[in-house]
Amino acid sequence: MRVLLDTHVLLWWLAGERLSNEAIEVIGDPANEVCVSAATVWELSIKRQLGKVEMPDGLAEQCSDEGFRMLVIDGRHAELAGSLPLHHTDPFDRMLIAQAQLDTLIIVTRERAFAAYGVQVMAA
């Protein structure tokens, strides 16, 4: 199984809190490919600088230590994210949706709006 963690899911996983049993099993199973988008690291870095979230330095390294694959953003992702219908306006979430569509990933999230884009969603 290939999954992409939404921003809040990554934070909850690293803090050891609030995830569904299914999400814990899938994320913790080394047979699954668990991805974190570069957009998530970017978003959290901005929120940290603004004082909206507390997190330690080295988020990308923490993801690597967890065995997560860092998902890069390329031109295809950028074009699709910019052209998606406006069911959801958060640019970071739109990037995750584009990556999930193009790279055939299941998004682990609590965001209900993601389903409107036809991506597979797993409840966090």
C-alpha atoms as a PDB file:
ATOM      1  CA  MET A   1       0.000   0.000   0.000  1.00  0.00           C
ATOM      2  CA  ARG A   2       1.237   3.497  -0.855  1.00  0.00           C
ATOM      3  CA  VAL A   3       0.036   6.326   1.368  1.00  0.00           C
ATOM      4  CA  LEU A   4       0.631  10.067   1.625  1.00  0.00           C
ATOM      5  CA  LEU A   5       0.369  11.667   5.059  1.00  0.00           C
ATOM      6  CA  ASP A   6      -1.541  14.899   5.410  1.00  0.00           C
ATOM      7  CA  THR A   7       0.226  17.549   7.491  1.00  0.00           C
ATOM      8  CA  HIS A   8      -1.786  17.019  10.676  1.00  0.00           C
ATOM      9  CA  VAL A   9      -1.343  13.261  10.377  1.00  0.00           C
ATOM     10  CA  LEU A  10       2.434  13.602  10.213  1.00  0.00           C
ATOM     11  CA  LEU A  11       2.433  15.783  13.325  1.00  0.00           C
ATOM     12  CA  TRP A  12       0.151  13.392  15.204  1.00  0.00           C
ATOM     13  CA  TRP A  13       2.263  10.381  14.190  1.00  0.00           C
ATOM     14  CA  LEU A  14       5.482  12.021  15.373  1.00  0.00           C
ATOM     15  CA  ALA A  15       3.814  13.063  18.649  1.00  0.00           C
ATOM     16  CA  GLY A  16       2.249   9.618  19.123  1.00  0.00           C
ATOM     17  CA  GLU A  17      -1.329  10.832  19.346  1.00  0.00           C
ATOM     18  CA  ARG A  18      -4.848  10.889  17.899  1.00  0.00           C
ATOM     19  CA  LEU A  19      -4.727   8.468  14.949  1.00  0.00           C
ATOM     20  CA  SER A  20      -7.204   5.740  14.062  1.00  0.00           C
ATOM     21  CA  ASN A  21      -6.170   2.125  14.548  1.00  0.00           C
ATOM     22  CA  GLU A  22      -6.198   1.606  10.781  1.00  0.00           C
ATOM     23  CA  ALA A  23      -3.888   4.578  10.200  1.00  0.00           C
ATOM     24  CA  ILE A  24      -1.498   3.406  12.929  1.00  0.00           C
ATOM     25  CA  GLU A  25      -1.344  -0.077  11.399  1.00  0.00           C
ATOM     26  CA  VAL A  26      -0.777   1.181   7.857  1.00  0.00           C
ATOM     27  CA  ILE A  27       1.809   3.837   8.765  1.00  0.00           C
ATOM     28  CA  GLY A  28       3.652   1.479  11.088  1.00  0.00           C
ATOM     29  CA  ASP A  29       3.804  -1.432   8.646  1.00  0.00           C
ATOM     30  CA  PRO A  30       7.252  -1.475   6.967  1.00  0.00           C
ATOM     31  CA  ALA A  31       5.729  -3.277   3.975  1.00  0.00           C
ATOM     32  CA  ASN A  32       3.838  -0.074   3.092  1.00  0.00           C
ATOM     33  CA  GLU A  33       5.357   2.920   1.356  1.00  0.00           C
ATOM     34  CA  VAL A  34       4.608   5.952   3.520  1.00  0.00           C
ATOM     35  CA  CYS A  35       5.232   9.277   1.805  1.00  0.00           C
ATOM     36  CA  VAL A  36       5.508  12.818   3.098  1.00  0.00           C
ATOM     37  CA  SER A  37       5.311  15.647   0.600  1.00  0.00           C
ATOM     38  CA  ALA A  38       7.958  18.330   0.419  1.00  0.00           C
ATOM     39  CA  ALA A  39       4.923  20.651   0.533  1.00  0.00           C
ATOM     40  CA  THR A  40       4.145  19.378   4.048  1.00  0.00           C
ATOM     41  CA  VAL A  41       7.655  20.176   5.271  1.00  0.00           C
ATOM     42  CA  TRP A  42       7.405  23.595   3.619  1.00  0.00           C
ATOM     43  CA  GLU A  43       3.984  24.271   5.190  1.00  0.00           C
ATOM     44  CA  LEU A  44       5.136  23.267   8.661  1.00  0.00           C
ATOM     45  CA  SER A  45       8.311  25.338   8.372  1.00  0.00           C
ATOM     46  CA  ILE A  46       6.204  28.413   7.567  1.00  0.00           C
ATOM     47  CA  LYS A  47       3.767  27.705  10.409  1.00  0.00           C
ATOM     48  CA  ARG A  48       6.656  27.199  12.813  1.00  0.00           C
ATOM     49  CA  GLN A  49       8.191  30.539  11.841  1.00  0.00           C
ATOM     50  CA  LEU A  50       4.806  32.225  12.375  1.00  0.00           C
ATOM     51  CA  GLY A  51       4.470  30.612  15.806  1.00  0.00           C
ATOM     52  CA  LYS A  52       1.412  28.559  14.784  1.00  0.00           C
ATOM     53  CA  VAL A  53       3.021  25.170  15.465  1.00  0.00           C
ATOM     54  CA  GLU A  54       5.767  23.905  17.710  1.00  0.00           C
ATOM     55  CA  MET A  55       8.086  21.282  16.322  1.00  0.00           C
ATOM     56  CA  PRO A  56      11.752  20.405  16.598  1.00  0.00           C
ATOM     57  CA  ASP A  57      14.366  21.201  13.968  1.00  0.00           C
ATOM     58  CA  GLY A  58      15.092  18.653  11.286  1.00  0.00           C
ATOM     59  CA  LEU A  59      11.609  17.587  10.204  1.00  0.00           C
ATOM     60  CA  ALA A  60      12.870  16.132   6.923  1.00  0.00           C
ATOM     61  CA  GLU A  61      15.440  14.097   8.836  1.00  0.00           C
ATOM     62  CA  GLN A  62      12.774  12.899  11.289  1.00  0.00           C
ATOM     63  CA  CYS A  63      10.711  11.697   8.343  1.00  0.00           C
ATOM     64  CA  SER A  64      13.699   9.816   6.989  1.00  0.00           C
ATOM     65  CA  ASP A  65      14.361   8.298  10.421  1.00  0.00           C
ATOM     66  CA  GLU A  66      10.742   7.053  10.461  1.00  0.00           C
ATOM     67  CA  GLY A  67      11.341   5.350   7.111  1.00  0.00           C
ATOM     68  CA  PHE A  68       9.067   7.761   5.230  1.00  0.00           C
ATOM     69  CA  ARG A  69       9.788   8.616   1.597  1.00  0.00           C
ATOM     70  CA  MET A  70      10.060  12.332   0.843  1.00  0.00           C
ATOM     71  CA  LEU A  71       7.861  13.075  -2.162  1.00  0.00           C
ATOM     72  CA  VAL A  72       9.286  15.800  -4.365  1.00  0.00           C
ATOM     73  CA  ILE A  73       7.203  18.375  -6.206  1.00  0.00           C
ATOM     74  CA  ASP A  74       7.676  18.488  -9.958  1.00  0.00           C
ATOM     75  CA  GLY A  75       6.133  20.472 -12.774  1.00  0.00           C
ATOM     76  CA  ARG A  76       3.338  17.946 -13.350  1.00  0.00           C
ATOM     77  CA  HIS A  77       2.271  18.248  -9.710  1.00  0.00           C
ATOM     78  CA  ALA A  78       2.405  22.047  -9.865  1.00  0.00           C
ATOM     79  CA  GLU A  79       0.308  22.239 -13.036  1.00  0.00           C
ATOM     80  CA  LEU A  80      -2.343  19.896 -11.709  1.00  0.00           C
ATOM     81  CA  ALA A  81      -2.506  21.553  -8.268  1.00  0.00           C
ATOM     82  CA  GLY A  82      -3.060  24.913  -9.940  1.00  0.00           C
ATOM     83  CA  SER A  83      -5.813  23.635 -12.213  1.00  0.00           C
ATOM     84  CA  LEU A  84      -7.870  21.606  -9.714  1.00  0.00           C
ATOM     85  CA  PRO A  85     -11.480  22.671  -9.097  1.00  0.00           C
ATOM     86  CA  LEU A  86     -11.820  24.965  -6.092  1.00  0.00           C
ATOM     87  CA  HIS A  87     -13.492  22.455  -3.769  1.00  0.00           C
ATOM     88  CA  HIS A  88     -10.619  23.226  -1.419  1.00  0.00           C
ATOM     89  CA  THR A  89      -8.506  26.388  -1.535  1.00  0.00           C
ATOM     90  CA  ASP A  90      -5.513  25.584   0.692  1.00  0.00           C
ATOM     91  CA  PRO A  91      -2.531  25.476  -1.710  1.00  0.00           C
ATOM     92  CA  PHE A  92      -0.628  22.895   0.353  1.00  0.00           C
ATOM     93  CA  ASP A  93      -3.613  20.549   0.444  1.00  0.00           C
ATOM     94  CA  ARG A  94      -4.168  21.033  -3.273  1.00  0.00           C
ATOM     95  CA  MET A  95      -0.556  19.943  -3.840  1.00  0.00           C
ATOM     96  CA  LEU A  96      -1.148  16.784  -1.791  1.00  0.00           C
ATOM     97  CA  ILE A  97      -4.239  16.055  -3.874  1.00  0.00           C
ATOM     98  CA  ALA A  98      -2.287  16.522  -7.111  1.00  0.00           C
ATOM     99  CA  GLN A  99       0.493  14.261  -5.865  1.00  0.00           C
ATOM    100  CA  ALA A 100      -1.994  11.610  -4.774  1.00  0.00           C
ATOM    101  CA  GLN A 101      -3.717  11.697  -8.162  1.00  0.00           C
ATOM    102  CA  LEU A 102      -0.564  11.570 -10.263  1.00  0.00           C
ATOM    103  CA  ASP A 103       1.391   9.138  -8.094  1.00  0.00           C
ATOM    104  CA  THR A 104      -1.560   6.891  -7.166  1.00  0.00           C
ATOM    105  CA  LEU A 105      -1.388   7.422  -3.403  1.00  0.00           C
ATOM    106  CA  ILE A 106      -3.980   7.096  -0.663  1.00  0.00           C
ATOM    107  CA  ILE A 107      -4.103  10.248   1.478  1.00  0.00           C
ATOM    108  CA  VAL A 108      -4.280   9.646   5.216  1.00  0.00           C
ATOM    109  CA  THR A 109      -6.285  12.613   6.517  1.00  0.00           C
ATOM    110  CA  ARG A 110      -9.255  13.907   8.426  1.00  0.00           C
ATOM    111  CA  GLU A 111     -10.047  16.438   5.687  1.00  0.00           C
ATOM    112  CA  ARG A 112     -13.432  15.600   4.194  1.00  0.00           C
ATOM    113  CA  ALA A 113     -12.971  17.921   1.199  1.00  0.00           C
ATOM    114  CA  PHE A 114     -10.283  15.683  -0.316  1.00  0.00           C
ATOM    115  CA  ALA A 115     -12.846  13.085  -1.402  1.00  0.00           C
ATOM    116  CA  ALA A 116     -14.415  15.618  -3.803  1.00  0.00           C
ATOM    117  CA  TYR A 117     -11.293  15.253  -5.955  1.00  0.00           C
ATOM    118  CA  GLY A 118     -11.718  11.531  -6.464  1.00  0.00           C
ATOM    119  CA  VAL A 119      -8.562  10.582  -4.563  1.00  0.00           C
ATOM    120  CA  GLN A 120      -8.524   7.611  -2.233  1.00  0.00           C
ATOM    121  CA  VAL A 121      -8.700   8.715   1.391  1.00  0.00           C
ATOM    122  CA  MET A 122      -7.998   6.800   4.586  1.00  0.00           C
ATOM    123  CA  ALA A 123      -9.460   8.210   7.790  1.00  0.00           C
ATOM    124  CA  ALA A 124      -6.788   9.371  10.181  1.00  0.00           C
END
